[in-house]
N, C-alpha and C. Protein backbone atom coordinates (compact mmCIF):
# COMPACT_ATOMS: atom_id res chain seq x y z
N MET A 1 53.54 -7.82 -35.82
CA MET A 1 53.29 -8.85 -34.83
C MET A 1 53.63 -10.21 -35.42
N LEU A 2 54.39 -10.99 -34.68
CA LEU A 2 54.88 -12.24 -35.22
C LEU A 2 54.32 -13.48 -34.57
N ASN A 3 54.36 -13.52 -33.27
CA ASN A 3 54.14 -14.77 -32.58
C ASN A 3 53.03 -14.61 -31.56
N SER A 4 52.05 -15.48 -31.60
CA SER A 4 50.97 -15.45 -30.62
C SER A 4 51.27 -16.47 -29.55
N CYS A 5 51.32 -16.03 -28.32
CA CYS A 5 51.65 -16.92 -27.20
C CYS A 5 50.50 -16.88 -26.21
N TYR A 6 49.60 -17.87 -26.28
CA TYR A 6 48.46 -17.94 -25.37
C TYR A 6 47.67 -16.64 -25.35
N GLY A 7 47.41 -16.07 -26.53
CA GLY A 7 46.61 -14.86 -26.60
C GLY A 7 47.45 -13.60 -26.64
N MET A 8 48.70 -13.66 -26.22
CA MET A 8 49.57 -12.49 -26.26
C MET A 8 50.28 -12.46 -27.61
N ILE A 9 50.27 -11.32 -28.24
CA ILE A 9 50.98 -11.18 -29.51
C ILE A 9 52.39 -10.67 -29.19
N MET A 10 53.38 -11.45 -29.63
CA MET A 10 54.77 -11.06 -29.43
C MET A 10 55.35 -10.58 -30.75
N ASP A 11 56.03 -9.45 -30.71
CA ASP A 11 56.69 -8.95 -31.91
C ASP A 11 58.18 -9.28 -31.84
N THR A 12 58.93 -8.83 -32.83
CA THR A 12 60.36 -9.14 -32.89
C THR A 12 61.11 -8.56 -31.69
N THR A 13 60.65 -7.43 -31.17
CA THR A 13 61.31 -6.84 -30.01
C THR A 13 61.10 -7.71 -28.77
N ASP A 14 59.88 -8.19 -28.56
CA ASP A 14 59.61 -9.09 -27.43
C ASP A 14 60.49 -10.34 -27.52
N ILE A 15 60.58 -10.89 -28.72
CA ILE A 15 61.38 -12.11 -28.92
C ILE A 15 62.86 -11.80 -28.65
N ALA A 16 63.33 -10.64 -29.09
CA ALA A 16 64.72 -10.25 -28.84
C ALA A 16 64.98 -10.06 -27.34
N ILE A 17 64.02 -9.50 -26.63
CA ILE A 17 64.16 -9.31 -25.18
C ILE A 17 64.26 -10.67 -24.49
N VAL A 18 63.37 -11.58 -24.84
CA VAL A 18 63.38 -12.92 -24.22
C VAL A 18 64.70 -13.62 -24.53
N GLN A 19 65.16 -13.54 -25.77
CA GLN A 19 66.42 -14.20 -26.14
C GLN A 19 67.60 -13.62 -25.37
N ALA A 20 67.64 -12.31 -25.25
CA ALA A 20 68.74 -11.67 -24.51
C ALA A 20 68.72 -12.08 -23.04
N LEU A 21 67.53 -12.15 -22.45
CA LEU A 21 67.43 -12.56 -21.05
C LEU A 21 67.74 -14.05 -20.88
N ARG A 22 67.47 -14.87 -21.88
CA ARG A 22 67.86 -16.29 -21.83
C ARG A 22 69.38 -16.41 -21.74
N GLU A 23 70.06 -15.55 -22.50
CA GLU A 23 71.52 -15.59 -22.53
C GLU A 23 72.14 -15.01 -21.27
N ASP A 24 71.51 -13.98 -20.69
CA ASP A 24 72.02 -13.36 -19.47
C ASP A 24 70.87 -12.72 -18.72
N SER A 25 70.32 -13.43 -17.75
CA SER A 25 69.16 -12.92 -17.01
C SER A 25 69.52 -11.78 -16.06
N ARG A 26 70.80 -11.47 -15.93
CA ARG A 26 71.24 -10.38 -15.06
C ARG A 26 71.40 -9.05 -15.80
N LEU A 27 71.03 -9.01 -17.06
CA LEU A 27 71.16 -7.76 -17.81
C LEU A 27 70.38 -6.64 -17.13
N SER A 28 71.00 -5.48 -17.07
CA SER A 28 70.28 -4.31 -16.56
C SER A 28 69.29 -3.87 -17.63
N MET A 29 68.27 -3.12 -17.23
CA MET A 29 67.29 -2.62 -18.20
C MET A 29 67.99 -1.69 -19.20
N ARG A 30 68.99 -0.93 -18.74
CA ARG A 30 69.73 -0.03 -19.62
C ARG A 30 70.46 -0.81 -20.71
N LYS A 31 71.16 -1.87 -20.31
CA LYS A 31 71.91 -2.68 -21.28
C LYS A 31 70.95 -3.43 -22.22
N LEU A 32 69.86 -3.98 -21.65
CA LEU A 32 68.86 -4.67 -22.46
C LEU A 32 68.25 -3.70 -23.48
N ALA A 33 67.98 -2.47 -23.04
CA ALA A 33 67.42 -1.45 -23.93
C ALA A 33 68.37 -1.15 -25.09
N MET A 34 69.66 -1.11 -24.79
CA MET A 34 70.65 -0.87 -25.86
C MET A 34 70.63 -2.01 -26.87
N LEU A 35 70.50 -3.24 -26.38
CA LEU A 35 70.51 -4.40 -27.27
C LEU A 35 69.32 -4.43 -28.23
N VAL A 36 68.17 -3.95 -27.75
CA VAL A 36 66.96 -4.00 -28.59
C VAL A 36 66.58 -2.63 -29.16
N HIS A 37 67.47 -1.65 -28.97
CA HIS A 37 67.31 -0.32 -29.55
C HIS A 37 66.02 0.37 -29.08
N MET A 38 65.84 0.39 -27.75
CA MET A 38 64.70 1.07 -27.15
C MET A 38 65.18 1.81 -25.92
N SER A 39 64.30 2.60 -25.31
CA SER A 39 64.63 3.27 -24.06
C SER A 39 64.48 2.27 -22.90
N ALA A 40 65.20 2.51 -21.83
CA ALA A 40 65.13 1.63 -20.66
C ALA A 40 63.71 1.55 -20.09
N PRO A 41 62.98 2.68 -19.94
CA PRO A 41 61.61 2.58 -19.42
C PRO A 41 60.69 1.75 -20.32
N ALA A 42 60.87 1.87 -21.64
CA ALA A 42 60.03 1.10 -22.57
C ALA A 42 60.35 -0.39 -22.46
N VAL A 43 61.63 -0.73 -22.33
CA VAL A 43 62.01 -2.14 -22.18
C VAL A 43 61.51 -2.68 -20.85
N ALA A 44 61.63 -1.90 -19.79
CA ALA A 44 61.15 -2.33 -18.47
C ALA A 44 59.66 -2.63 -18.52
N GLU A 45 58.91 -1.82 -19.24
CA GLU A 45 57.47 -2.05 -19.38
C GLU A 45 57.19 -3.34 -20.16
N ARG A 46 57.96 -3.58 -21.20
CA ARG A 46 57.79 -4.83 -21.97
C ARG A 46 58.14 -6.04 -21.13
N VAL A 47 59.21 -5.97 -20.36
CA VAL A 47 59.60 -7.09 -19.49
C VAL A 47 58.50 -7.34 -18.46
N ARG A 48 57.96 -6.26 -17.88
CA ARG A 48 56.87 -6.40 -16.91
C ARG A 48 55.66 -7.10 -17.56
N ARG A 49 55.33 -6.71 -18.79
CA ARG A 49 54.20 -7.32 -19.50
C ARG A 49 54.49 -8.79 -19.81
N LEU A 50 55.71 -9.10 -20.22
CA LEU A 50 56.08 -10.49 -20.50
C LEU A 50 56.00 -11.34 -19.22
N GLU A 51 56.34 -10.76 -18.10
CA GLU A 51 56.22 -11.47 -16.82
C GLU A 51 54.74 -11.68 -16.46
N GLU A 52 53.95 -10.63 -16.59
CA GLU A 52 52.51 -10.73 -16.26
C GLU A 52 51.79 -11.74 -17.13
N GLU A 53 52.18 -11.83 -18.39
CA GLU A 53 51.55 -12.76 -19.33
C GLU A 53 52.06 -14.18 -19.17
N GLY A 54 53.08 -14.38 -18.34
CA GLY A 54 53.60 -15.72 -18.10
C GLY A 54 54.62 -16.19 -19.13
N VAL A 55 55.06 -15.31 -20.00
CA VAL A 55 56.11 -15.67 -20.94
C VAL A 55 57.42 -15.83 -20.19
N ILE A 56 57.74 -14.84 -19.36
CA ILE A 56 58.90 -14.93 -18.46
C ILE A 56 58.36 -15.40 -17.12
N THR A 57 58.78 -16.58 -16.71
CA THR A 57 58.24 -17.17 -15.47
C THR A 57 59.19 -17.08 -14.29
N GLY A 58 60.42 -16.64 -14.53
CA GLY A 58 61.35 -16.51 -13.43
C GLY A 58 62.76 -16.30 -13.94
N TYR A 59 63.64 -16.01 -13.01
CA TYR A 59 65.05 -15.79 -13.32
C TYR A 59 65.84 -16.76 -12.46
N THR A 60 66.97 -17.21 -12.98
CA THR A 60 67.71 -18.23 -12.25
C THR A 60 69.22 -18.04 -12.44
N ILE A 61 69.95 -18.79 -11.65
CA ILE A 61 71.40 -18.83 -11.81
C ILE A 61 71.81 -20.29 -11.91
N ARG A 62 72.97 -20.51 -12.51
CA ARG A 62 73.56 -21.85 -12.53
C ARG A 62 74.71 -21.83 -11.53
N VAL A 63 74.78 -22.85 -10.71
CA VAL A 63 75.79 -22.93 -9.67
C VAL A 63 76.60 -24.20 -9.88
N ASP A 64 77.89 -24.11 -9.72
CA ASP A 64 78.74 -25.30 -9.75
C ASP A 64 78.66 -25.94 -8.37
N GLU A 65 77.76 -26.90 -8.23
CA GLU A 65 77.51 -27.53 -6.94
C GLU A 65 78.76 -28.21 -6.39
N GLN A 66 79.66 -28.65 -7.25
CA GLN A 66 80.88 -29.32 -6.81
C GLN A 66 81.76 -28.37 -5.99
N LYS A 67 81.65 -27.09 -6.23
CA LYS A 67 82.44 -26.12 -5.47
C LYS A 67 81.82 -25.83 -4.11
N ILE A 68 80.53 -26.08 -3.98
CA ILE A 68 79.84 -25.86 -2.70
C ILE A 68 79.89 -27.12 -1.85
N ALA A 69 79.50 -28.22 -2.42
CA ALA A 69 79.47 -29.50 -1.69
C ALA A 69 79.84 -30.60 -2.68
N PRO A 70 81.11 -30.99 -2.71
CA PRO A 70 81.53 -32.02 -3.67
C PRO A 70 80.71 -33.29 -3.56
N ARG A 71 80.34 -33.83 -4.69
CA ARG A 71 79.51 -35.02 -4.76
C ARG A 71 80.04 -35.97 -5.81
N MET A 72 79.71 -37.25 -5.62
CA MET A 72 79.99 -38.27 -6.64
C MET A 72 78.75 -38.43 -7.49
N LEU A 73 78.95 -38.58 -8.78
CA LEU A 73 77.85 -38.81 -9.70
C LEU A 73 78.00 -40.22 -10.24
N ALA A 74 76.91 -40.97 -10.24
CA ALA A 74 76.96 -42.35 -10.72
C ALA A 74 75.69 -42.66 -11.51
N TYR A 75 75.82 -43.53 -12.48
CA TYR A 75 74.68 -44.03 -13.25
C TYR A 75 74.56 -45.51 -12.97
N VAL A 76 73.33 -45.94 -12.67
CA VAL A 76 73.08 -47.34 -12.33
C VAL A 76 72.11 -47.92 -13.34
N ASN A 77 72.54 -48.96 -14.04
CA ASN A 77 71.65 -49.73 -14.91
C ASN A 77 70.97 -50.77 -14.03
N VAL A 78 69.66 -50.69 -13.94
CA VAL A 78 68.90 -51.56 -13.05
C VAL A 78 68.29 -52.71 -13.85
N HIS A 79 68.57 -53.93 -13.40
CA HIS A 79 68.04 -55.15 -14.02
C HIS A 79 67.06 -55.76 -13.01
N MET A 80 65.76 -55.57 -13.23
CA MET A 80 64.75 -56.04 -12.27
C MET A 80 64.77 -57.56 -12.15
N LYS A 81 64.54 -58.03 -10.91
CA LYS A 81 64.49 -59.47 -10.66
C LYS A 81 63.11 -60.05 -10.93
N THR A 82 62.07 -59.20 -10.88
CA THR A 82 60.70 -59.65 -11.14
C THR A 82 60.02 -58.65 -12.06
N ASN A 83 58.78 -58.97 -12.41
CA ASN A 83 57.97 -58.05 -13.22
C ASN A 83 57.21 -57.05 -12.36
N HIS A 84 57.35 -57.14 -11.06
CA HIS A 84 56.63 -56.26 -10.13
C HIS A 84 57.52 -55.07 -9.79
N HIS A 85 57.33 -54.01 -10.52
CA HIS A 85 58.21 -52.85 -10.40
C HIS A 85 57.73 -51.82 -9.38
N GLN A 86 56.49 -51.91 -8.94
CA GLN A 86 55.92 -50.87 -8.09
C GLN A 86 56.69 -50.69 -6.78
N SER A 87 57.08 -51.77 -6.13
CA SER A 87 57.80 -51.63 -4.87
C SER A 87 59.18 -50.99 -5.08
N PHE A 88 59.82 -51.31 -6.18
CA PHE A 88 61.09 -50.68 -6.52
C PHE A 88 60.90 -49.18 -6.73
N LEU A 89 59.87 -48.81 -7.48
CA LEU A 89 59.60 -47.39 -7.75
C LEU A 89 59.28 -46.63 -6.47
N GLN A 90 58.55 -47.27 -5.56
CA GLN A 90 58.26 -46.64 -4.27
C GLN A 90 59.55 -46.44 -3.47
N LEU A 91 60.44 -47.41 -3.53
CA LEU A 91 61.71 -47.31 -2.81
C LEU A 91 62.51 -46.10 -3.30
N ILE A 92 62.68 -45.97 -4.58
CA ILE A 92 63.56 -44.92 -5.08
C ILE A 92 62.91 -43.54 -5.07
N GLU A 93 61.58 -43.49 -5.03
CA GLU A 93 60.88 -42.21 -5.06
C GLU A 93 61.29 -41.31 -3.90
N GLY A 94 61.50 -41.86 -2.73
CA GLY A 94 61.83 -41.05 -1.57
C GLY A 94 63.32 -40.91 -1.30
N ARG A 95 64.15 -41.42 -2.17
CA ARG A 95 65.60 -41.41 -1.93
C ARG A 95 66.21 -40.11 -2.46
N GLU A 96 66.85 -39.35 -1.59
CA GLU A 96 67.40 -38.07 -2.01
C GLU A 96 68.59 -38.20 -2.96
N GLU A 97 69.28 -39.34 -2.94
CA GLU A 97 70.42 -39.50 -3.83
C GLU A 97 70.01 -39.80 -5.28
N VAL A 98 68.74 -40.17 -5.49
CA VAL A 98 68.26 -40.45 -6.85
C VAL A 98 67.84 -39.12 -7.50
N ARG A 99 68.61 -38.69 -8.48
CA ARG A 99 68.34 -37.42 -9.18
C ARG A 99 67.42 -37.63 -10.37
N GLU A 100 67.56 -38.78 -11.03
CA GLU A 100 66.71 -39.09 -12.18
C GLU A 100 66.47 -40.59 -12.23
N CYS A 101 65.30 -40.96 -12.76
CA CYS A 101 64.98 -42.37 -13.00
C CYS A 101 64.29 -42.44 -14.35
N HIS A 102 64.86 -43.25 -15.24
CA HIS A 102 64.29 -43.39 -16.58
C HIS A 102 64.01 -44.87 -16.84
N ARG A 103 62.78 -45.19 -17.24
CA ARG A 103 62.47 -46.55 -17.69
C ARG A 103 62.95 -46.64 -19.13
N ILE A 104 63.76 -47.63 -19.42
CA ILE A 104 64.37 -47.70 -20.75
C ILE A 104 64.13 -49.06 -21.39
N ALA A 105 64.32 -49.09 -22.68
CA ALA A 105 64.18 -50.33 -23.45
C ALA A 105 65.52 -50.66 -24.07
N GLY A 106 65.72 -51.95 -24.28
CA GLY A 106 66.96 -52.38 -24.92
C GLY A 106 67.76 -53.26 -23.99
N GLY A 107 68.18 -54.38 -24.46
CA GLY A 107 68.95 -55.29 -23.61
C GLY A 107 68.11 -55.78 -22.45
N ASN A 108 68.75 -56.04 -21.35
CA ASN A 108 68.02 -56.51 -20.18
C ASN A 108 67.95 -55.45 -19.08
N VAL A 109 68.19 -54.21 -19.44
CA VAL A 109 68.12 -53.10 -18.49
C VAL A 109 66.69 -52.56 -18.46
N CYS A 110 66.16 -52.39 -17.25
CA CYS A 110 64.80 -51.87 -17.10
C CYS A 110 64.78 -50.37 -16.79
N TYR A 111 65.73 -49.92 -15.95
CA TYR A 111 65.77 -48.52 -15.53
C TYR A 111 67.21 -48.02 -15.54
N LEU A 112 67.34 -46.73 -15.78
CA LEU A 112 68.62 -46.06 -15.65
C LEU A 112 68.45 -45.00 -14.56
N LEU A 113 69.25 -45.11 -13.51
CA LEU A 113 69.20 -44.16 -12.41
C LEU A 113 70.42 -43.25 -12.47
N LYS A 114 70.20 -42.00 -12.19
CA LYS A 114 71.30 -41.06 -12.01
C LYS A 114 71.34 -40.76 -10.52
N LEU A 115 72.48 -41.04 -9.90
CA LEU A 115 72.65 -40.85 -8.45
C LEU A 115 73.66 -39.76 -8.19
N GLU A 116 73.43 -39.03 -7.10
CA GLU A 116 74.41 -38.07 -6.61
C GLU A 116 74.58 -38.34 -5.12
N VAL A 117 75.79 -38.72 -4.74
CA VAL A 117 76.07 -39.11 -3.36
C VAL A 117 77.28 -38.35 -2.83
N ILE A 118 77.39 -38.29 -1.49
CA ILE A 118 78.49 -37.54 -0.92
C ILE A 118 79.79 -38.33 -0.88
N ASP A 119 79.68 -39.67 -0.87
CA ASP A 119 80.90 -40.47 -0.81
C ASP A 119 80.62 -41.91 -1.21
N GLN A 120 81.68 -42.70 -1.28
CA GLN A 120 81.59 -44.11 -1.68
C GLN A 120 80.72 -44.91 -0.70
N GLY A 121 80.81 -44.60 0.59
CA GLY A 121 80.01 -45.31 1.58
C GLY A 121 78.52 -45.14 1.37
N THR A 122 78.11 -43.92 1.05
CA THR A 122 76.69 -43.65 0.78
C THR A 122 76.24 -44.37 -0.48
N LEU A 123 77.10 -44.43 -1.49
CA LEU A 123 76.79 -45.16 -2.71
C LEU A 123 76.60 -46.64 -2.39
N ASN A 124 77.50 -47.21 -1.62
CA ASN A 124 77.39 -48.63 -1.25
C ASN A 124 76.11 -48.91 -0.47
N GLU A 125 75.74 -48.02 0.44
CA GLU A 125 74.49 -48.20 1.21
C GLU A 125 73.29 -48.24 0.28
N PHE A 126 73.24 -47.33 -0.70
CA PHE A 126 72.12 -47.32 -1.65
C PHE A 126 72.10 -48.62 -2.45
N LEU A 127 73.24 -49.06 -2.93
CA LEU A 127 73.30 -50.28 -3.74
C LEU A 127 72.87 -51.50 -2.93
N ASP A 128 73.20 -51.54 -1.64
CA ASP A 128 72.76 -52.64 -0.78
C ASP A 128 71.23 -52.64 -0.63
N ILE A 129 70.64 -51.47 -0.53
CA ILE A 129 69.18 -51.35 -0.41
C ILE A 129 68.50 -51.78 -1.71
N LEU A 130 69.18 -51.57 -2.83
CA LEU A 130 68.64 -51.90 -4.15
C LEU A 130 68.62 -53.42 -4.41
N LEU A 131 69.55 -54.15 -3.84
CA LEU A 131 69.73 -55.57 -4.17
C LEU A 131 68.49 -56.46 -4.01
N PRO A 132 67.64 -56.32 -3.00
CA PRO A 132 66.45 -57.19 -2.94
C PRO A 132 65.50 -57.03 -4.14
N TYR A 133 65.57 -55.90 -4.82
CA TYR A 133 64.67 -55.61 -5.92
C TYR A 133 65.28 -55.91 -7.29
N ALA A 134 66.59 -55.70 -7.39
CA ALA A 134 67.19 -55.75 -8.73
C ALA A 134 68.69 -56.00 -8.64
N ASN A 135 69.22 -56.50 -9.73
CA ASN A 135 70.66 -56.50 -9.92
C ASN A 135 70.99 -55.20 -10.65
N TYR A 136 72.26 -54.88 -10.70
CA TYR A 136 72.62 -53.60 -11.30
C TYR A 136 74.03 -53.66 -11.88
N SER A 137 74.30 -52.72 -12.75
CA SER A 137 75.68 -52.43 -13.16
C SER A 137 75.87 -50.93 -12.92
N LEU A 138 77.09 -50.57 -12.61
CA LEU A 138 77.36 -49.23 -12.12
C LEU A 138 78.42 -48.53 -12.96
N ASN A 139 78.20 -47.26 -13.22
CA ASN A 139 79.20 -46.39 -13.86
C ASN A 139 79.36 -45.16 -12.98
N VAL A 140 80.58 -44.90 -12.55
CA VAL A 140 80.86 -43.72 -11.72
C VAL A 140 81.52 -42.68 -12.60
N VAL A 141 81.03 -41.45 -12.52
CA VAL A 141 81.58 -40.35 -13.31
C VAL A 141 82.88 -39.90 -12.68
N ILE A 142 83.94 -39.85 -13.48
CA ILE A 142 85.23 -39.38 -12.96
C ILE A 142 85.56 -37.97 -13.45
N ALA A 143 84.92 -37.53 -14.53
CA ALA A 143 85.08 -36.16 -15.03
C ALA A 143 83.94 -35.85 -15.97
N SER A 144 83.54 -34.58 -16.00
CA SER A 144 82.51 -34.13 -16.93
C SER A 144 83.10 -33.04 -17.80
N THR A 145 82.99 -33.22 -19.10
CA THR A 145 83.55 -32.22 -20.02
C THR A 145 82.53 -31.18 -20.43
N ILE A 146 81.25 -31.54 -20.43
CA ILE A 146 80.18 -30.61 -20.78
C ILE A 146 79.22 -30.56 -19.61
N LYS A 147 78.98 -29.36 -19.09
CA LYS A 147 78.08 -29.20 -17.96
C LYS A 147 76.82 -28.50 -18.42
N PRO A 148 75.68 -28.85 -17.80
CA PRO A 148 74.41 -28.23 -18.20
C PRO A 148 74.37 -26.76 -17.85
């Protein structure tokens, strides 16, 4: 037994199962069993136990959203006009185009926003709404070489 996870003792086989599923969550129990040198029923039981214990919390896929609905990605450096940030934060909280908001330090930038919009017009509308609260500088992504 190697690793204690919230009361559950995980051995090297459990860790190998989790690692294999991290790399490919679509592995069949037969293929997973081959990777960890166990029978498929034994591996299925371990996976079930890992799920019940909350070690495995779900399975997911990664989708290239650009192939489904092309979007523009932009980063906005926000330079607040006042020290009263609450109204700005309330504004962006409900905006669907705001994917991330980070309060940052350094220079005169207060926040870094990551935006995803359908077109230039939508980007301009958001920037117009932002102006009463802050000035900004904008970077539009033209290509991504590394995707999450």
